[in-house]
PDB file of N, CA and C in Angstrom:
ATOM      1  N   UNK A   1       3.940  -3.062   6.122  1.00  0.00           N
ATOM      2  CA  UNK A   1       2.809  -2.161   5.923  1.00  0.00           C
ATOM      3  C   UNK A   1       3.303  -0.754   6.091  1.00  0.00           C
ATOM      4  N   UNK A   2       2.830   0.105   5.133  1.00  0.00           N
ATOM      5  CA  UNK A   2       3.138   1.531   5.215  1.00  0.00           C
ATOM      6  C   UNK A   2       1.811   2.235   5.141  1.00  0.00           C
ATOM      7  N   UNK A   3       1.560   3.087   6.073  1.00  0.00           N
ATOM      8  CA  UNK A   3       0.272   3.896   6.136  1.00  0.00           C
ATOM      9  C   UNK A   3       0.608   5.323   5.954  1.00  0.00           C
ATOM     10  N   UNK A   4      -0.188   5.951   5.039  1.00  0.00           N
ATOM     11  CA  UNK A   4       0.053   7.365   4.760  1.00  0.00           C
ATOM     12  C   UNK A   4      -1.272   8.067   4.983  1.00  0.00           C
ATOM     13  N   UNK A   5      -1.350   9.081   5.870  1.00  0.00           N
ATOM     14  CA  UNK A   5      -2.527   9.833   6.073  1.00  0.00           C
ATOM     15  C   UNK A   5      -3.633   9.031   6.758  1.00  0.00           C
ATOM     16  N   UNK A   6      -3.286   8.089   7.607  1.00  0.00           N
ATOM     17  CA  UNK A   6      -4.298   7.315   8.285  1.00  0.00           C
ATOM     18  C   UNK A   6      -4.106   7.496   9.775  1.00  0.00           C
ATOM     19  N   UNK A   7      -5.197   7.816  10.479  1.00  0.00           N
ATOM     20  CA  UNK A   7      -5.161   8.047  11.929  1.00  0.00           C
ATOM     21  C   UNK A   7      -6.137   7.034  12.532  1.00  0.00           C
ATOM     22  N   UNK A   8      -5.622   6.104  13.301  1.00  0.00           N
ATOM     23  CA  UNK A   8      -6.455   5.036  13.858  1.00  0.00           C
ATOM     24  C   UNK A   8      -7.269   5.456  15.032  1.00  0.00           C
ATOM     25  N   UNK A   9      -7.270   6.761  15.327  1.00  0.00           N
ATOM     26  CA  UNK A   9      -8.146   7.311  16.374  1.00  0.00           C
ATOM     27  C   UNK A   9      -9.535   7.658  15.725  1.00  0.00           C
ATOM     28  N   UNK A  10      -9.642   7.428  14.453  1.00  0.00           N
ATOM     29  CA  UNK A  10     -10.901   7.672  13.709  1.00  0.00           C
ATOM     30  C   UNK A  10     -11.240   9.190  13.623  1.00  0.00           C
ATOM     31  N   UNK A  11     -10.225  10.002  13.782  1.00  0.00           N
ATOM     32  CA  UNK A  11     -10.414  11.463  13.526  1.00  0.00           C
ATOM     33  C   UNK A  11      -9.879  11.801  12.126  1.00  0.00           C
ATOM     34  N   UNK A  12     -10.602  12.628  11.406  1.00  0.00           N
ATOM     35  CA  UNK A  12     -10.131  12.965  10.041  1.00  0.00           C
ATOM     36  C   UNK A  12      -8.739  13.559  10.066  1.00  0.00           C
ATOM     37  N   UNK A  13      -7.898  13.119   9.203  1.00  0.00           N
ATOM     38  CA  UNK A  13      -6.531  13.591   9.085  1.00  0.00           C
ATOM     39  C   UNK A  13      -6.438  14.822   8.132  1.00  0.00           C
ATOM     40  N   UNK A  14      -7.518  15.120   7.470  1.00  0.00           N
ATOM     41  CA  UNK A  14      -7.421  16.169   6.435  1.00  0.00           C
ATOM     42  C   UNK A  14      -6.977  15.577   5.171  1.00  0.00           C
ATOM     43  N   UNK A  15      -6.833  16.353   4.195  1.00  0.00           N
ATOM     44  CA  UNK A  15      -6.395  15.823   2.892  1.00  0.00           C
ATOM     45  C   UNK A  15      -4.994  16.344   2.604  1.00  0.00           C
ATOM     46  N   UNK A  16      -4.679  16.447   1.401  1.00  0.00           N
ATOM     47  CA  UNK A  16      -3.401  16.993   1.090  1.00  0.00           C
ATOM     48  C   UNK A  16      -2.966  16.513  -0.332  1.00  0.00           C
ATOM     49  N   UNK A  17      -1.842  17.045  -0.698  1.00  0.00           N
ATOM     50  CA  UNK A  17      -1.262  16.680  -2.006  1.00  0.00           C
ATOM     51  C   UNK A  17       0.163  16.326  -1.749  1.00  0.00           C
ATOM     52  N   UNK A  18       0.719  15.628  -2.644  1.00  0.00           N
ATOM     53  CA  UNK A  18       2.122  15.226  -2.531  1.00  0.00           C
ATOM     54  C   UNK A  18       2.392  13.948  -3.204  1.00  0.00           C
ATOM     55  N   UNK A  19       3.551  13.466  -2.950  1.00  0.00           N
ATOM     56  CA  UNK A  19       4.057  12.222  -3.574  1.00  0.00           C
ATOM     57  C   UNK A  19       4.669  11.317  -2.515  1.00  0.00           C
ATOM     58  N   UNK A  20       4.410  10.065  -2.600  1.00  0.00           N
ATOM     59  CA  UNK A  20       5.010   9.044  -1.697  1.00  0.00           C
ATOM     60  C   UNK A  20       5.901   8.171  -2.544  1.00  0.00           C
ATOM     61  N   UNK A  21       7.196   8.123  -2.152  1.00  0.00           N
ATOM     62  CA  UNK A  21       8.143   7.267  -2.875  1.00  0.00           C
ATOM     63  C   UNK A  21       8.567   6.153  -1.935  1.00  0.00           C
ATOM     64  N   UNK A  22       8.474   4.920  -2.403  1.00  0.00           N
ATOM     65  CA  UNK A  22       8.814   3.729  -1.674  1.00  0.00           C
ATOM     66  C   UNK A  22       9.918   3.085  -2.465  1.00  0.00           C
ATOM     67  N   UNK A  23      11.130   3.009  -1.906  1.00  0.00           N
ATOM     68  CA  UNK A  23      12.263   2.345  -2.603  1.00  0.00           C
ATOM     69  C   UNK A  23      12.370   0.908  -2.143  1.00  0.00           C
ATOM     70  N   UNK A  24      12.073  -0.002  -3.049  1.00  0.00           N
ATOM     71  CA  UNK A  24      12.150  -1.465  -2.725  1.00  0.00           C
ATOM     72  C   UNK A  24      13.461  -2.035  -3.303  1.00  0.00           C
ATOM     73  N   UNK A  25      14.150  -2.729  -2.441  1.00  0.00           N
ATOM     74  CA  UNK A  25      15.422  -3.360  -2.826  1.00  0.00           C
ATOM     75  C   UNK A  25      15.333  -4.840  -2.539  1.00  0.00           C
ATOM     76  N   UNK A  26      15.374  -5.694  -3.567  1.00  0.00           N
ATOM     77  CA  UNK A  26      15.249  -7.110  -3.334  1.00  0.00           C
ATOM     78  C   UNK A  26      16.530  -7.645  -2.656  1.00  0.00           C
ATOM     79  N   UNK A  27      16.332  -8.648  -1.828  1.00  0.00           N
ATOM     80  CA  UNK A  27      17.457  -9.311  -1.160  1.00  0.00           C
ATOM     81  C   UNK A  27      18.146 -10.280  -2.133  1.00  0.00           C
ATOM     82  N   UNK A  28      19.335  -9.951  -2.641  1.00  0.00           N
ATOM     83  CA  UNK A  28      19.994 -10.746  -3.625  1.00  0.00           C
ATOM     84  C   UNK A  28      20.557 -12.074  -3.029  1.00  0.00           C
ATOM     85  N   UNK A  29      20.564 -12.214  -1.699  1.00  0.00           N
ATOM     86  CA  UNK A  29      21.071 -13.427  -1.059  1.00  0.00           C
ATOM     87  C   UNK A  29      20.049 -14.541  -0.865  1.00  0.00           C
ATOM     88  N   UNK A  30      18.805 -14.281  -1.231  1.00  0.00           N
ATOM     89  CA  UNK A  30      17.802 -15.328  -1.095  1.00  0.00           C
ATOM     90  C   UNK A  30      17.863 -16.317  -2.249  1.00  0.00           C
ATOM     91  N   UNK A  31      17.475 -17.526  -2.011  1.00  0.00           N
ATOM     92  CA  UNK A  31      17.501 -18.556  -3.049  1.00  0.00           C
ATOM     93  C   UNK A  31      16.452 -18.345  -4.113  1.00  0.00           C
ATOM     94  N   UNK A  32      15.257 -17.978  -3.720  1.00  0.00           N
ATOM     95  CA  UNK A  32      14.149 -17.807  -4.663  1.00  0.00           C
ATOM     96  C   UNK A  32      13.956 -16.312  -4.902  1.00  0.00           C
ATOM     97  N   UNK A  33      14.172 -15.886  -6.107  1.00  0.00           N
ATOM     98  CA  UNK A  33      13.967 -14.461  -6.496  1.00  0.00           C
ATOM     99  C   UNK A  33      12.710 -14.384  -7.400  1.00  0.00           C
ATOM    100  N   UNK A  34      11.595 -13.888  -6.953  1.00  0.00           N
ATOM    101  CA  UNK A  34      10.460 -13.745  -7.821  1.00  0.00           C
ATOM    102  C   UNK A  34      10.740 -12.677  -8.883  1.00  0.00           C
ATOM    103  N   UNK A  35      10.090 -12.806 -10.013  1.00  0.00           N
ATOM    104  CA  UNK A  35      10.251 -11.828 -11.136  1.00  0.00           C
ATOM    105  C   UNK A  35       9.368 -10.638 -10.901  1.00  0.00           C
ATOM    106  N   UNK A  36       8.266 -10.805 -10.143  1.00  0.00           N
ATOM    107  CA  UNK A  36       7.305  -9.764  -9.915  1.00  0.00           C
ATOM    108  C   UNK A  36       6.936  -9.696  -8.430  1.00  0.00           C
ATOM    109  N   UNK A  37       6.811  -8.453  -7.932  1.00  0.00           N
ATOM    110  CA  UNK A  37       6.330  -8.207  -6.583  1.00  0.00           C
ATOM    111  C   UNK A  37       4.944  -7.545  -6.713  1.00  0.00           C
ATOM    112  N   UNK A  38       3.976  -8.050  -5.968  1.00  0.00           N
ATOM    113  CA  UNK A  38       2.640  -7.434  -6.008  1.00  0.00           C
ATOM    114  C   UNK A  38       2.499  -6.521  -4.780  1.00  0.00           C
ATOM    115  N   UNK A  39       2.233  -5.223  -5.033  1.00  0.00           N
ATOM    116  CA  UNK A  39       2.058  -4.279  -4.003  1.00  0.00           C
ATOM    117  C   UNK A  39       0.570  -3.943  -3.873  1.00  0.00           C
ATOM    118  N   UNK A  40       0.027  -4.097  -2.707  1.00  0.00           N
ATOM    119  CA  UNK A  40      -1.407  -3.763  -2.525  1.00  0.00           C
ATOM    120  C   UNK A  40      -1.593  -2.324  -2.059  1.00  0.00           C
ATOM    121  N   UNK A  41      -2.519  -1.650  -2.646  1.00  0.00           N
ATOM    122  CA  UNK A  41      -2.817  -0.240  -2.313  1.00  0.00           C
ATOM    123  C   UNK A  41      -4.312  -0.125  -2.029  1.00  0.00           C
ATOM    124  N   UNK A  42      -4.644   0.396  -0.892  1.00  0.00           N
ATOM    125  CA  UNK A  42      -6.057   0.553  -0.515  1.00  0.00           C
ATOM    126  C   UNK A  42      -6.302   1.971  -0.047  1.00  0.00           C
ATOM    127  N   UNK A  43      -7.551   2.384  -0.288  1.00  0.00           N
ATOM    128  CA  UNK A  43      -7.988   3.732   0.022  1.00  0.00           C
ATOM    129  C   UNK A  43      -9.451   3.659   0.557  1.00  0.00           C
ATOM    130  N   UNK A  44      -9.889   4.715   1.194  1.00  0.00           N
ATOM    131  CA  UNK A  44     -11.277   4.850   1.520  1.00  0.00           C
ATOM    132  C   UNK A  44     -11.592   4.279   2.907  1.00  0.00           C
ATOM    133  N   UNK A  45     -12.781   4.648   3.378  1.00  0.00           N
ATOM    134  CA  UNK A  45     -13.240   4.137   4.684  1.00  0.00           C
ATOM    135  C   UNK A  45     -14.792   4.263   4.674  1.00  0.00           C
ATOM    136  N   UNK A  46     -15.355   3.602   5.612  1.00  0.00           N
ATOM    137  CA  UNK A  46     -16.843   3.585   5.734  1.00  0.00           C
ATOM    138  C   UNK A  46     -17.172   3.128   7.136  1.00  0.00           C
ATOM    139  N   UNK A  47     -18.490   3.143   7.407  1.00  0.00           N
ATOM    140  CA  UNK A  47     -18.961   2.636   8.700  1.00  0.00           C
ATOM    141  C   UNK A  47     -20.251   1.882   8.422  1.00  0.00           C
ATOM    142  N   UNK A  48     -20.367   0.726   8.935  1.00  0.00           N
ATOM    143  CA  UNK A  48     -21.558  -0.112   8.765  1.00  0.00           C
ATOM    144  C   UNK A  48     -21.951  -0.751  10.107  1.00  0.00           C
ATOM    145  N   UNK A  49     -23.146  -0.429  10.548  1.00  0.00           N
ATOM    146  CA  UNK A  49     -23.645  -0.961  11.864  1.00  0.00           C
ATOM    147  C   UNK A  49     -22.708  -0.631  12.981  1.00  0.00           C
ATOM    148  N   UNK A  50     -22.159   0.564  12.949  1.00  0.00           N
ATOM    149  CA  UNK A  50     -21.293   1.021  14.020  1.00  0.00           C
ATOM    150  C   UNK A  50     -19.834   0.496  13.931  1.00  0.00           C
ATOM    151  N   UNK A  51     -19.557  -0.304  12.883  1.00  0.00           N
ATOM    152  CA  UNK A  51     -18.188  -0.858  12.719  1.00  0.00           C
ATOM    153  C   UNK A  51     -17.500  -0.042  11.653  1.00  0.00           C
ATOM    154  N   UNK A  52     -16.316   0.478  11.994  1.00  0.00           N
ATOM    155  CA  UNK A  52     -15.542   1.242  11.111  1.00  0.00           C
ATOM    156  C   UNK A  52     -14.749   0.338  10.169  1.00  0.00           C
ATOM    157  N   UNK A  53     -14.776   0.710   8.865  1.00  0.00           N
ATOM    158  CA  UNK A  53     -14.096  -0.176   7.854  1.00  0.00           C
ATOM    159  C   UNK A  53     -13.062   0.696   7.166  1.00  0.00           C
ATOM    160  N   UNK A  54     -11.851   0.174   7.080  1.00  0.00           N
ATOM    161  CA  UNK A  54     -10.779   0.883   6.343  1.00  0.00           C
ATOM    162  C   UNK A  54     -10.473   0.113   5.087  1.00  0.00           C
ATOM    163  N   UNK A  55     -10.001   0.828   4.058  1.00  0.00           N
ATOM    164  CA  UNK A  55      -9.627   0.199   2.814  1.00  0.00           C
ATOM    165  C   UNK A  55     -10.807  -0.308   2.019  1.00  0.00           C
ATOM    166  N   UNK A  56     -11.808   0.526   1.806  1.00  0.00           N
ATOM    167  CA  UNK A  56     -13.013   0.038   1.091  1.00  0.00           C
ATOM    168  C   UNK A  56     -12.774  -0.088  -0.426  1.00  0.00           C
ATOM    169  N   UNK A  57     -11.676   0.375  -0.957  1.00  0.00           N
ATOM    170  CA  UNK A  57     -11.325   0.176  -2.326  1.00  0.00           C
ATOM    171  C   UNK A  57      -9.846  -0.165  -2.413  1.00  0.00           C
ATOM    172  N   UNK A  58      -9.501  -1.119  -3.306  1.00  0.00           N
ATOM    173  CA  UNK A  58      -8.080  -1.486  -3.321  1.00  0.00           C
ATOM    174  C   UNK A  58      -7.714  -2.006  -4.700  1.00  0.00           C
ATOM    175  N   UNK A  59      -6.425  -1.973  -5.015  1.00  0.00           N
ATOM    176  CA  UNK A  59      -5.848  -2.584  -6.233  1.00  0.00           C
ATOM    177  C   UNK A  59      -4.576  -3.248  -5.861  1.00  0.00           C
ATOM    178  N   UNK A  60      -4.144  -4.152  -6.769  1.00  0.00           N
ATOM    179  CA  UNK A  60      -2.765  -4.813  -6.657  1.00  0.00           C
ATOM    180  C   UNK A  60      -1.960  -4.267  -7.818  1.00  0.00           C
ATOM    181  N   UNK A  61      -0.781  -3.769  -7.524  1.00  0.00           N
ATOM    182  CA  UNK A  61       0.123  -3.179  -8.521  1.00  0.00           C
ATOM    183  C   UNK A  61       1.332  -4.138  -8.696  1.00  0.00           C
ATOM    184  N   UNK A  62       1.466  -4.776  -9.881  1.00  0.00           N
ATOM    185  CA  UNK A  62       2.649  -5.623 -10.057  1.00  0.00           C
ATOM    186  C   UNK A  62       3.872  -4.811 -10.355  1.00  0.00           C
ATOM    187  N   UNK A  63       4.949  -5.084  -9.690  1.00  0.00           N
ATOM    188  CA  UNK A  63       6.228  -4.385  -9.841  1.00  0.00           C
ATOM    189  C   UNK A  63       7.243  -5.387 -10.322  1.00  0.00           C
ATOM    190  N   UNK A  64       7.857  -5.193 -11.454  1.00  0.00           N
ATOM    191  CA  UNK A  64       8.871  -6.080 -12.050  1.00  0.00           C
ATOM    192  C   UNK A  64      10.145  -5.963 -11.287  1.00  0.00           C
ATOM    193  N   UNK A  65      10.719  -7.056 -10.939  1.00  0.00           N
ATOM    194  CA  UNK A  65      12.016  -7.068 -10.218  1.00  0.00           C
ATOM    195  C   UNK A  65      13.188  -7.468 -11.159  1.00  0.00           C
ATOM    196  N   UNK A  66      12.910  -7.620 -12.420  1.00  0.00           N
ATOM    197  CA  UNK A  66      13.956  -7.961 -13.360  1.00  0.00           C
ATOM    198  C   UNK A  66      14.421  -6.678 -14.089  1.00  0.00           C
ATOM    199  N   UNK A  67      15.742  -6.719 -14.543  1.00  0.00           N
ATOM    200  CA  UNK A  67      16.301  -5.582 -15.154  1.00  0.00           C
ATOM    201  C   UNK A  67      15.907  -5.414 -16.642  1.00  0.00           C
ATOM    202  N   UNK A  68      15.315  -6.353 -17.239  1.00  0.00           N
ATOM    203  CA  UNK A  68      15.035  -6.312 -18.677  1.00  0.00           C
ATOM    204  C   UNK A  68      13.731  -5.624 -18.997  1.00  0.00           C
ATOM    205  N   UNK A  69      13.017  -5.090 -18.066  1.00  0.00           N
ATOM    206  CA  UNK A  69      11.724  -4.406 -18.345  1.00  0.00           C
ATOM    207  C   UNK A  69      11.808  -2.963 -18.038  1.00  0.00           C
TER     208      UNK A  69
END
């Protein structure tokens, strides 16, 4: 799990601009090598009945692990 701009004290972290680069390197020594890795990305927050909710919107991003794409 990688969190960017999230403060679990429930204080606003402010906004900002920039780029996040995550370098994924598959383990070549494993027996099963998937062709695709699914990376989940979530944003947003809310509060319902006094319960704080993180990640109110999300997507799954497929990342190809093969060299031919």
